[in-house]
Amino acid sequence: MTGPRSVNWYTIYDAQTDEIVACGTADMIVQQMGYASKHSFFSAIAHKYIYHIEKVSRASWEKMKRKG
């Protein structure tokens, strides 16, 4: 296996309501939320949202991708 052994899985919450706004990898969230780039996504979550980051093993991530 090449590359990192884990993937960051983000859960993004609305800071005012605590509702989940988006979840997934950074690439997935950029698409879900309509950001132009990962840079703009990371800038926004630092200032507008509450977020949680989990490390998911690459093997688990590959398995999830195949299922859905």
Protein backbone atom coordinates (compact mmCIF):
# COMPACT_ATOMS: atom_id res chain seq x y z
CA MET A 1 0.00 0.00 0.00
CA THR A 2 1.32 3.45 -0.87
CA GLY A 3 0.37 6.81 0.57
CA PRO A 4 -0.80 7.70 4.07
CA ARG A 5 -2.19 4.99 6.32
CA SER A 6 -5.14 7.13 7.37
CA VAL A 7 -7.62 9.64 5.97
CA ASN A 8 -9.04 12.67 7.81
CA TRP A 9 -12.84 12.50 8.09
CA TYR A 10 -14.39 15.88 8.90
CA THR A 11 -17.76 16.55 10.50
CA ILE A 12 -18.73 20.22 10.11
CA TYR A 13 -21.35 21.78 12.41
CA ASP A 14 -23.20 25.09 12.16
CA ALA A 15 -21.76 27.15 15.03
CA GLN A 16 -25.16 28.63 15.95
CA THR A 17 -27.41 25.56 15.74
CA ASP A 18 -24.98 22.63 16.16
CA GLU A 19 -26.56 21.00 13.10
CA ILE A 20 -24.31 18.93 10.86
CA VAL A 21 -23.62 20.92 7.70
CA ALA A 22 -21.35 18.42 5.92
CA CYS A 23 -19.16 15.41 6.54
CA GLY A 24 -16.49 13.56 4.62
CA THR A 25 -12.95 14.06 3.44
CA ALA A 26 -11.75 17.57 2.62
CA ASP A 27 -12.27 16.90 -1.10
CA MET A 28 -15.84 15.72 -0.47
CA ILE A 29 -16.70 18.74 1.68
CA VAL A 30 -15.26 21.19 -0.85
CA GLN A 31 -17.79 19.77 -3.32
CA GLN A 32 -20.69 19.52 -0.83
CA MET A 33 -20.33 23.09 0.38
CA GLY A 34 -19.32 24.64 -2.94
CA TYR A 35 -15.89 25.93 -1.97
CA ALA A 36 -13.45 26.80 -4.75
CA SER A 37 -10.54 24.97 -3.11
CA LYS A 38 -9.36 23.13 -0.02
CA HIS A 39 -7.63 26.33 1.06
CA SER A 40 -10.92 28.26 1.17
CA PHE A 41 -12.58 25.33 2.96
CA PHE A 42 -9.92 25.22 5.69
CA SER A 43 -10.09 28.99 6.10
CA ALA A 44 -13.89 28.91 6.48
CA ILE A 45 -14.04 26.09 9.00
CA ALA A 46 -11.54 27.88 11.18
CA HIS A 47 -13.77 30.98 11.35
CA LYS A 48 -17.40 30.03 10.69
CA TYR A 49 -17.97 26.47 11.86
CA ILE A 50 -17.35 23.99 14.63
CA TYR A 51 -15.62 20.89 13.34
CA HIS A 52 -14.40 17.49 14.42
CA ILE A 53 -11.66 15.52 12.69
CA GLU A 54 -11.33 11.74 12.91
CA LYS A 55 -8.51 9.66 11.51
CA VAL A 56 -9.96 6.74 9.55
CA SER A 57 -7.67 3.94 8.44
CA ARG A 58 -7.06 3.89 4.71
CA ALA A 59 -8.25 0.25 4.59
CA SER A 60 -11.59 1.21 6.21
CA TRP A 61 -11.90 4.20 3.89
CA GLU A 62 -11.32 2.06 0.78
CA LYS A 63 -13.91 -0.43 2.04
CA MET A 64 -16.49 2.38 2.57
CA LYS A 65 -15.84 3.75 -0.92
CA ARG A 66 -16.50 0.35 -2.50
CA LYS A 67 -19.81 -0.03 -0.60
CA GLY A 68 -21.31 3.27 -1.47
